[in-house]
Amino acid sequence: MPRPEASPEILPLRVEGLSLTLGGKPILRDVSFELEAGPCSVILGPNGCGKSMLLRVCHGLLAPTELLAPTEGRVRWCGPGAGEAERGQAMVLQRPVLLRRRVAANLEYPLRLRGLAPNERRDRVAVVLERASLEALAERPARALSVGEQQRVAVARAWAVEPEVLWLDEPASALDPGATRALEETIRRIRASGTKVVMTTHDLGQARRLADEVLFLHRGRVLEKTAAETFFEEPQSEEGRAFLKGELLT
């Protein structure tokens, strides 16, 4: 299910000097990087380093407000379709909420919101169910599924809108090995379809399997942004080397 060629591109995304303080505590500190189309970007770092907050700010789920002040820097889409960035991206939270409907109806819902005709919604849902290996669950109540199945439905629902960028926040954090493998295969297919995947994970094995590039965060700062192979074989920062060894970072 390739993205429509007519859709204007919103990438690259440039984050410039982003600093964020919440409740008097610095969350992000002078963060700058650029995300381009193509590679699966995995954000790594110890708990509390700011991974999830960075994902939410980049997606636009959290905009600078008084609750998040003071905020400095900016996040901007630089592609020709930047004016419609909201429609060019989708996000799946760590604990997504599914509708009290069938699996197929969950996938159809965002397509209806975007104004697709009934026949186009039906065709696209059928394609996504097949690509995500969810055909056998299409008529099942979404909220009656296992945790792993629900997460795959949430990811498939996001994929159904054919985003240029898909943000995933710890998508496999509560899954068993079998469910994790199934979800990772779906993520690989999404990546192969042309969608840019940006995800956080605490699982180094998962990062090694999925990442093309790594952004390593520590205490709210991006210490490294490099090819995944380079990071896992020869990280440039002392903190990165300690993280890969499983040492407790302070």
C-alpha atoms as a PDB file:
ATOM      1  CA  MET A   1       0.000   0.000   0.000  1.00  0.00           C
ATOM      2  CA  PRO A   2       2.304   2.768  -1.196  1.00  0.00           C
ATOM      3  CA  ARG A   3       1.555   6.350  -0.255  1.00  0.00           C
ATOM      4  CA  PRO A   4      -0.282   8.325  -2.946  1.00  0.00           C
ATOM      5  CA  GLU A   5       2.212  10.047  -5.227  1.00  0.00           C
ATOM      6  CA  ALA A   6      -0.031  13.129  -5.294  1.00  0.00           C
ATOM      7  CA  SER A   7       0.369  13.727  -1.558  1.00  0.00           C
ATOM      8  CA  PRO A   8       2.768  16.656  -0.979  1.00  0.00           C
ATOM      9  CA  GLU A   9       5.727  15.686   1.174  1.00  0.00           C
ATOM     10  CA  ILE A  10       6.092  17.160   4.652  1.00  0.00           C
ATOM     11  CA  LEU A  11       9.620  15.903   5.379  1.00  0.00           C
ATOM     12  CA  PRO A  12      12.285  16.790   6.294  1.00  0.00           C
ATOM     13  CA  LEU A  13      11.512  17.710   9.907  1.00  0.00           C
ATOM     14  CA  ARG A  14      13.948  20.095  11.576  1.00  0.00           C
ATOM     15  CA  VAL A  15      14.203  20.454  15.336  1.00  0.00           C
ATOM     16  CA  GLU A  16      16.234  23.510  16.235  1.00  0.00           C
ATOM     17  CA  GLY A  17      17.422  24.382  19.749  1.00  0.00           C
ATOM     18  CA  LEU A  18      14.394  22.809  21.437  1.00  0.00           C
ATOM     19  CA  SER A  19      14.368  23.178  25.219  1.00  0.00           C
ATOM     20  CA  LEU A  20      11.418  22.282  27.402  1.00  0.00           C
ATOM     21  CA  THR A  21      10.809  22.637  31.128  1.00  0.00           C
ATOM     22  CA  LEU A  22       7.861  21.097  32.944  1.00  0.00           C
ATOM     23  CA  GLY A  23       7.082  21.900  36.562  1.00  0.00           C
ATOM     24  CA  GLY A  24      10.470  23.503  36.964  1.00  0.00           C
ATOM     25  CA  LYS A  25      12.249  20.366  35.730  1.00  0.00           C
ATOM     26  CA  PRO A  26      14.203  20.459  32.441  1.00  0.00           C
ATOM     27  CA  ILE A  27      12.819  17.781  30.107  1.00  0.00           C
ATOM     28  CA  LEU A  28      14.567  18.619  26.825  1.00  0.00           C
ATOM     29  CA  ARG A  29      17.779  20.633  26.564  1.00  0.00           C
ATOM     30  CA  ASP A  30      18.855  22.411  23.382  1.00  0.00           C
ATOM     31  CA  VAL A  31      17.817  19.550  21.110  1.00  0.00           C
ATOM     32  CA  SER A  32      18.656  19.921  17.417  1.00  0.00           C
ATOM     33  CA  PHE A  33      18.454  17.319  14.645  1.00  0.00           C
ATOM     34  CA  GLU A  34      16.828  16.630  11.280  1.00  0.00           C
ATOM     35  CA  LEU A  35      14.680  13.688  10.234  1.00  0.00           C
ATOM     36  CA  GLU A  36      14.577  12.779   6.557  1.00  0.00           C
ATOM     37  CA  ALA A  37      12.467  10.376   4.546  1.00  0.00           C
ATOM     38  CA  GLY A  38      13.586   6.779   4.415  1.00  0.00           C
ATOM     39  CA  PRO A  39      15.359   5.305   7.424  1.00  0.00           C
ATOM     40  CA  CYS A  40      13.535   3.926  10.440  1.00  0.00           C
ATOM     41  CA  SER A  41      14.661   6.226  13.260  1.00  0.00           C
ATOM     42  CA  VAL A  42      14.729   4.749  16.766  1.00  0.00           C
ATOM     43  CA  ILE A  43      15.026   6.994  19.812  1.00  0.00           C
ATOM     44  CA  LEU A  44      16.955   5.324  22.627  1.00  0.00           C
ATOM     45  CA  GLY A  45      17.954   6.357  26.118  1.00  0.00           C
ATOM     46  CA  PRO A  46      17.444   5.538  29.797  1.00  0.00           C
ATOM     47  CA  ASN A  47      14.093   5.995  31.512  1.00  0.00           C
ATOM     48  CA  GLY A  48      13.267   9.632  32.088  1.00  0.00           C
ATOM     49  CA  CYS A  49      15.610  10.958  29.397  1.00  0.00           C
ATOM     50  CA  GLY A  50      12.793  12.644  27.455  1.00  0.00           C
ATOM     51  CA  LYS A  51      12.115  10.114  24.665  1.00  0.00           C
ATOM     52  CA  SER A  52       8.318  10.152  24.828  1.00  0.00           C
ATOM     53  CA  MET A  53       8.121  13.900  25.351  1.00  0.00           C
ATOM     54  CA  LEU A  54      10.321  14.502  22.309  1.00  0.00           C
ATOM     55  CA  LEU A  55       8.082  12.261  20.205  1.00  0.00           C
ATOM     56  CA  ARG A  56       4.944  14.096  21.316  1.00  0.00           C
ATOM     57  CA  VAL A  57       6.403  17.540  20.665  1.00  0.00           C
ATOM     58  CA  CYS A  58       7.646  16.551  17.198  1.00  0.00           C
ATOM     59  CA  HIS A  59       4.267  15.090  16.290  1.00  0.00           C
ATOM     60  CA  GLY A  60       2.458  18.181  17.548  1.00  0.00           C
ATOM     61  CA  LEU A  61       0.492  16.315  20.209  1.00  0.00           C
ATOM     62  CA  LEU A  62       1.972  18.698  22.755  1.00  0.00           C
ATOM     63  CA  ALA A  63       2.279  22.280  21.660  1.00  0.00           C
ATOM     64  CA  PRO A  64       4.077  24.938  23.692  1.00  0.00           C
ATOM     65  CA  THR A  65       1.636  26.179  26.346  1.00  0.00           C
ATOM     66  CA  GLU A  66       1.872  27.734  29.754  1.00  0.00           C
ATOM     67  CA  LEU A  67       1.889  24.242  31.252  1.00  0.00           C
ATOM     68  CA  LEU A  68       5.020  23.396  29.291  1.00  0.00           C
ATOM     69  CA  ALA A  69       6.737  26.770  29.593  1.00  0.00           C
ATOM     70  CA  PRO A  70       9.380  27.874  29.289  1.00  0.00           C
ATOM     71  CA  THR A  71       9.855  26.431  25.814  1.00  0.00           C
ATOM     72  CA  GLU A  72      12.571  27.521  23.410  1.00  0.00           C
ATOM     73  CA  GLY A  73      13.524  26.579  19.867  1.00  0.00           C
ATOM     74  CA  ARG A  74      11.225  25.291  17.176  1.00  0.00           C
ATOM     75  CA  VAL A  75      10.002  22.215  15.357  1.00  0.00           C
ATOM     76  CA  ARG A  76       9.221  22.720  11.684  1.00  0.00           C
ATOM     77  CA  TRP A  77       8.303  20.658   8.670  1.00  0.00           C
ATOM     78  CA  CYS A  78      10.266  21.763   5.619  1.00  0.00           C
ATOM     79  CA  GLY A  79       8.716  19.822   2.746  1.00  0.00           C
ATOM     80  CA  PRO A  80       6.389  21.326   0.112  1.00  0.00           C
ATOM     81  CA  GLY A  81       3.378  19.917   1.986  1.00  0.00           C
ATOM     82  CA  ALA A  82       4.361  21.415   5.339  1.00  0.00           C
ATOM     83  CA  GLY A  83       1.102  23.359   5.496  1.00  0.00           C
ATOM     84  CA  GLU A  84      -0.785  20.068   5.822  1.00  0.00           C
ATOM     85  CA  ALA A  85       1.613  18.373   8.225  1.00  0.00           C
ATOM     86  CA  GLU A  86      -1.232  17.248  10.461  1.00  0.00           C
ATOM     87  CA  ARG A  87      -2.671  15.084   7.682  1.00  0.00           C
ATOM     88  CA  GLY A  88       0.744  13.732   6.712  1.00  0.00           C
ATOM     89  CA  GLN A  89       1.480  12.004   9.994  1.00  0.00           C
ATOM     90  CA  ALA A  90      -0.019   9.640  12.567  1.00  0.00           C
ATOM     91  CA  MET A  91       0.941   8.488  16.035  1.00  0.00           C
ATOM     92  CA  VAL A  92       0.336   5.397  18.176  1.00  0.00           C
ATOM     93  CA  LEU A  93       0.702   5.837  21.908  1.00  0.00           C
ATOM     94  CA  GLN A  94       2.052   3.246  24.305  1.00  0.00           C
ATOM     95  CA  ARG A  95      -1.496   2.486  25.471  1.00  0.00           C
ATOM     96  CA  PRO A  96      -3.758   3.330  22.535  1.00  0.00           C
ATOM     97  CA  VAL A  97      -7.533   3.571  22.887  1.00  0.00           C
ATOM     98  CA  LEU A  98      -9.631   1.478  20.520  1.00  0.00           C
ATOM     99  CA  LEU A  99     -13.263   2.151  19.708  1.00  0.00           C
ATOM    100  CA  ARG A 100     -16.025  -0.158  20.965  1.00  0.00           C
ATOM    101  CA  ARG A 101     -16.414  -1.495  17.455  1.00  0.00           C
ATOM    102  CA  ARG A 102     -15.208  -4.296  15.244  1.00  0.00           C
ATOM    103  CA  VAL A 103     -11.580  -4.300  14.162  1.00  0.00           C
ATOM    104  CA  ALA A 104     -12.549  -3.366  10.593  1.00  0.00           C
ATOM    105  CA  ALA A 105     -14.684  -0.481  11.879  1.00  0.00           C
ATOM    106  CA  ASN A 106     -11.747   0.808  13.911  1.00  0.00           C
ATOM    107  CA  LEU A 107      -9.645   0.958  10.755  1.00  0.00           C
ATOM    108  CA  GLU A 108     -12.436   2.628   8.807  1.00  0.00           C
ATOM    109  CA  TYR A 109     -13.110   5.379  11.361  1.00  0.00           C
ATOM    110  CA  PRO A 110     -10.131   7.698  10.612  1.00  0.00           C
ATOM    111  CA  LEU A 111     -10.781   7.267   6.884  1.00  0.00           C
ATOM    112  CA  ARG A 112     -14.336   8.488   7.357  1.00  0.00           C
ATOM    113  CA  LEU A 113     -13.047  11.491   9.285  1.00  0.00           C
ATOM    114  CA  ARG A 114     -10.828  12.317   6.310  1.00  0.00           C
ATOM    115  CA  GLY A 115     -13.766  12.270   3.956  1.00  0.00           C
ATOM    116  CA  LEU A 116     -12.996   9.158   1.909  1.00  0.00           C
ATOM    117  CA  ALA A 117     -15.891   7.691  -0.055  1.00  0.00           C
ATOM    118  CA  PRO A 118     -17.449   4.445   1.295  1.00  0.00           C
ATOM    119  CA  ASN A 119     -16.040   2.247  -1.465  1.00  0.00           C
ATOM    120  CA  GLU A 120     -12.560   3.714  -1.027  1.00  0.00           C
ATOM    121  CA  ARG A 121     -12.768   3.181   2.737  1.00  0.00           C
ATOM    122  CA  ARG A 122     -13.830  -0.421   2.219  1.00  0.00           C
ATOM    123  CA  ASP A 123     -11.023  -1.142  -0.240  1.00  0.00           C
ATOM    124  CA  ARG A 124      -8.332   0.465   1.883  1.00  0.00           C
ATOM    125  CA  VAL A 125      -9.456  -1.335   5.042  1.00  0.00           C
ATOM    126  CA  ALA A 126      -9.295  -4.656   3.195  1.00  0.00           C
ATOM    127  CA  VAL A 127      -5.741  -3.921   2.038  1.00  0.00           C
ATOM    128  CA  VAL A 128      -4.548  -2.916   5.506  1.00  0.00           C
ATOM    129  CA  LEU A 129      -6.149  -5.952   7.155  1.00  0.00           C
ATOM    130  CA  GLU A 130      -4.272  -8.174   4.715  1.00  0.00           C
ATOM    131  CA  ARG A 131      -0.946  -6.346   5.008  1.00  0.00           C
ATOM    132  CA  ALA A 132      -1.115  -6.356   8.820  1.00  0.00           C
ATOM    133  CA  SER A 133      -2.236 -10.035   8.924  1.00  0.00           C
ATOM    134  CA  LEU A 134      -5.443  -9.064  10.730  1.00  0.00           C
ATOM    135  CA  GLU A 135      -7.998 -10.522   8.298  1.00  0.00           C
ATOM    136  CA  ALA A 136      -9.048 -13.252  10.733  1.00  0.00           C
ATOM    137  CA  LEU A 137      -9.820 -10.612  13.362  1.00  0.00           C
ATOM    138  CA  ALA A 138     -11.739  -8.192  11.134  1.00  0.00           C
ATOM    139  CA  GLU A 139     -15.176  -8.927  12.642  1.00  0.00           C
ATOM    140  CA  ARG A 140     -13.999  -9.324  16.224  1.00  0.00           C
ATOM    141  CA  PRO A 141     -14.730  -6.629  18.848  1.00  0.00           C
ATOM    142  CA  ALA A 142     -11.463  -4.685  19.054  1.00  0.00           C
ATOM    143  CA  ARG A 143     -11.532  -4.315  22.833  1.00  0.00           C
ATOM    144  CA  ALA A 144     -11.982  -8.072  23.320  1.00  0.00           C
ATOM    145  CA  LEU A 145      -8.620  -8.829  21.704  1.00  0.00           C
ATOM    146  CA  SER A 146      -5.374  -9.602  23.488  1.00  0.00           C
ATOM    147  CA  VAL A 147      -3.031  -6.737  24.300  1.00  0.00           C
ATOM    148  CA  GLY A 148      -0.750  -7.689  21.431  1.00  0.00           C
ATOM    149  CA  GLU A 149      -3.616  -7.896  18.951  1.00  0.00           C
ATOM    150  CA  GLN A 150      -4.983  -4.546  20.102  1.00  0.00           C
ATOM    151  CA  GLN A 151      -1.594  -2.927  19.567  1.00  0.00           C
ATOM    152  CA  ARG A 152      -1.390  -4.321  16.047  1.00  0.00           C
ATOM    153  CA  VAL A 153      -4.884  -2.981  15.343  1.00  0.00           C
ATOM    154  CA  ALA A 154      -3.848   0.464  16.622  1.00  0.00           C
ATOM    155  CA  VAL A 155      -0.762   0.459  14.384  1.00  0.00           C
ATOM    156  CA  ALA A 156      -2.795  -0.762  11.407  1.00  0.00           C
ATOM    157  CA  ARG A 157      -5.373   1.976  12.030  1.00  0.00           C
ATOM    158  CA  ALA A 158      -2.621   4.579  11.866  1.00  0.00           C
ATOM    159  CA  TRP A 159      -1.213   2.966   8.717  1.00  0.00           C
ATOM    160  CA  ALA A 160      -4.637   3.094   7.066  1.00  0.00           C
ATOM    161  CA  VAL A 161      -4.425   6.881   6.627  1.00  0.00           C
ATOM    162  CA  GLU A 162      -1.224   6.375   4.591  1.00  0.00           C
ATOM    163  CA  PRO A 163       0.929   8.764   6.643  1.00  0.00           C
ATOM    164  CA  GLU A 164       4.271   9.986   5.438  1.00  0.00           C
ATOM    165  CA  VAL A 165       5.509   9.784   9.039  1.00  0.00           C
ATOM    166  CA  LEU A 166       4.362   7.300  11.691  1.00  0.00           C
ATOM    167  CA  TRP A 167       5.348   7.951  15.313  1.00  0.00           C
ATOM    168  CA  LEU A 168       5.366   4.921  17.644  1.00  0.00           C
ATOM    169  CA  ASP A 169       5.860   5.356  21.387  1.00  0.00           C
ATOM    170  CA  GLU A 170       7.142   2.127  22.982  1.00  0.00           C
ATOM    171  CA  PRO A 171       4.803   0.044  20.785  1.00  0.00           C
ATOM    172  CA  ALA A 172       5.844  -3.345  22.215  1.00  0.00           C
ATOM    173  CA  SER A 173       6.438  -2.433  25.864  1.00  0.00           C
ATOM    174  CA  ALA A 174       3.718  -4.733  27.247  1.00  0.00           C
ATOM    175  CA  LEU A 175       3.893  -7.547  24.696  1.00  0.00           C
ATOM    176  CA  ASP A 176       5.119 -11.126  24.946  1.00  0.00           C
ATOM    177  CA  PRO A 177       7.763 -12.376  22.476  1.00  0.00           C
ATOM    178  CA  GLY A 178       5.244 -13.771  19.991  1.00  0.00           C
ATOM    179  CA  ALA A 179       3.176 -10.608  19.907  1.00  0.00           C
ATOM    180  CA  THR A 180       6.345  -8.540  19.634  1.00  0.00           C
ATOM    181  CA  ARG A 181       7.486 -10.501  16.570  1.00  0.00           C
ATOM    182  CA  ALA A 182       4.099 -10.022  14.902  1.00  0.00           C
ATOM    183  CA  LEU A 183       4.137  -6.297  15.608  1.00  0.00           C
ATOM    184  CA  GLU A 184       7.702  -5.901  14.361  1.00  0.00           C
ATOM    185  CA  GLU A 185       6.775  -7.611  11.097  1.00  0.00           C
ATOM    186  CA  THR A 186       3.944  -5.093  10.657  1.00  0.00           C
ATOM    187  CA  ILE A 187       6.375  -2.240  11.323  1.00  0.00           C
ATOM    188  CA  ARG A 188       8.767  -3.630   8.703  1.00  0.00           C
ATOM    189  CA  ARG A 189       5.941  -3.726   6.166  1.00  0.00           C
ATOM    190  CA  ILE A 190       4.984  -0.149   6.978  1.00  0.00           C
ATOM    191  CA  ARG A 191       8.600   0.896   6.527  1.00  0.00           C
ATOM    192  CA  ALA A 192       8.754  -0.968   3.200  1.00  0.00           C
ATOM    193  CA  SER A 193       5.584   0.828   2.019  1.00  0.00           C
ATOM    194  CA  GLY A 194       7.446   4.140   2.100  1.00  0.00           C
ATOM    195  CA  THR A 195       6.252   5.508   5.434  1.00  0.00           C
ATOM    196  CA  LYS A 196       8.919   7.039   7.654  1.00  0.00           C
ATOM    197  CA  VAL A 197       8.810   5.287  11.062  1.00  0.00           C
ATOM    198  CA  VAL A 198      10.071   7.093  14.148  1.00  0.00           C
ATOM    199  CA  MET A 199       9.794   5.110  17.362  1.00  0.00           C
ATOM    200  CA  THR A 200      10.925   4.960  20.939  1.00  0.00           C
ATOM    201  CA  THR A 201      11.826   1.695  22.642  1.00  0.00           C
ATOM    202  CA  HIS A 202      13.549   0.486  25.786  1.00  0.00           C
ATOM    203  CA  ASP A 203      14.340  -2.855  24.107  1.00  0.00           C
ATOM    204  CA  LEU A 204      17.849  -2.879  22.656  1.00  0.00           C
ATOM    205  CA  GLY A 205      17.159  -6.100  20.793  1.00  0.00           C
ATOM    206  CA  GLN A 206      14.185  -4.523  19.102  1.00  0.00           C
ATOM    207  CA  ALA A 207      16.219  -1.435  18.242  1.00  0.00           C
ATOM    208  CA  ARG A 208      18.911  -3.606  16.657  1.00  0.00           C
ATOM    209  CA  ARG A 209      16.282  -5.433  14.584  1.00  0.00           C
ATOM    210  CA  LEU A 210      14.383  -2.383  13.350  1.00  0.00           C
ATOM    211  CA  ALA A 211      16.577   0.722  13.448  1.00  0.00           C
ATOM    212  CA  ASP A 212      18.307   2.216  10.438  1.00  0.00           C
ATOM    213  CA  GLU A 213      19.446   5.170  12.524  1.00  0.00           C
ATOM    214  CA  VAL A 214      19.561   5.875  16.255  1.00  0.00           C
ATOM    215  CA  LEU A 215      18.983   9.055  18.206  1.00  0.00           C
ATOM    216  CA  PHE A 216      20.455   8.580  21.666  1.00  0.00           C
ATOM    217  CA  LEU A 217      19.111  10.793  24.444  1.00  0.00           C
ATOM    218  CA  HIS A 218      20.503  11.351  27.901  1.00  0.00           C
ATOM    219  CA  ARG A 219      19.113  13.847  30.398  1.00  0.00           C
ATOM    220  CA  GLY A 220      17.116  15.585  27.702  1.00  0.00           C
ATOM    221  CA  ARG A 221      19.984  16.014  25.237  1.00  0.00           C
ATOM    222  CA  VAL A 222      20.592  14.257  21.923  1.00  0.00           C
ATOM    223  CA  LEU A 223      24.143  13.005  22.365  1.00  0.00           C
ATOM    224  CA  GLU A 224      24.264  10.956  19.174  1.00  0.00           C
ATOM    225  CA  LYS A 225      22.381  10.710  15.881  1.00  0.00           C
ATOM    226  CA  THR A 226      24.015   8.141  13.712  1.00  0.00           C
ATOM    227  CA  ALA A 227      23.544   4.983  11.680  1.00  0.00           C
ATOM    228  CA  ALA A 228      22.289   2.127  13.846  1.00  0.00           C
ATOM    229  CA  GLU A 229      25.253  -0.095  12.944  1.00  0.00           C
ATOM    230  CA  THR A 230      27.680   2.620  14.022  1.00  0.00           C
ATOM    231  CA  PHE A 231      25.895   3.255  17.312  1.00  0.00           C
ATOM    232  CA  PHE A 232      25.686  -0.393  18.309  1.00  0.00           C
ATOM    233  CA  GLU A 233      29.267  -1.193  17.319  1.00  0.00           C
ATOM    234  CA  GLU A 234      31.081   1.992  18.268  1.00  0.00           C
ATOM    235  CA  PRO A 235      29.045   4.665  20.083  1.00  0.00           C
ATOM    236  CA  GLN A 236      30.821   8.000  20.204  1.00  0.00           C
ATOM    237  CA  SER A 237      29.665   9.162  23.640  1.00  0.00           C
ATOM    238  CA  GLU A 238      30.703   7.789  27.011  1.00  0.00           C
ATOM    239  CA  GLU A 239      27.038   7.700  27.987  1.00  0.00           C
ATOM    240  CA  GLY A 240      26.164   5.702  24.874  1.00  0.00           C
ATOM    241  CA  ARG A 241      28.831   3.124  25.641  1.00  0.00           C
ATOM    242  CA  ALA A 242      27.619   2.820  29.225  1.00  0.00           C
ATOM    243  CA  PHE A 243      23.993   2.483  28.078  1.00  0.00           C
ATOM    244  CA  LEU A 244      24.818  -0.401  25.762  1.00  0.00           C
ATOM    245  CA  LYS A 245      26.679  -2.141  28.576  1.00  0.00           C
ATOM    246  CA  GLY A 246      23.578  -1.917  30.757  1.00  0.00           C
ATOM    247  CA  GLU A 247      25.161   0.451  33.245  1.00  0.00           C
ATOM    248  CA  LEU A 248      22.962   2.761  35.266  1.00  0.00           C
ATOM    249  CA  LEU A 249      23.229   6.305  33.935  1.00  0.00           C
ATOM    250  CA  THR A 250      22.771   9.285  36.209  1.00  0.00           C
END
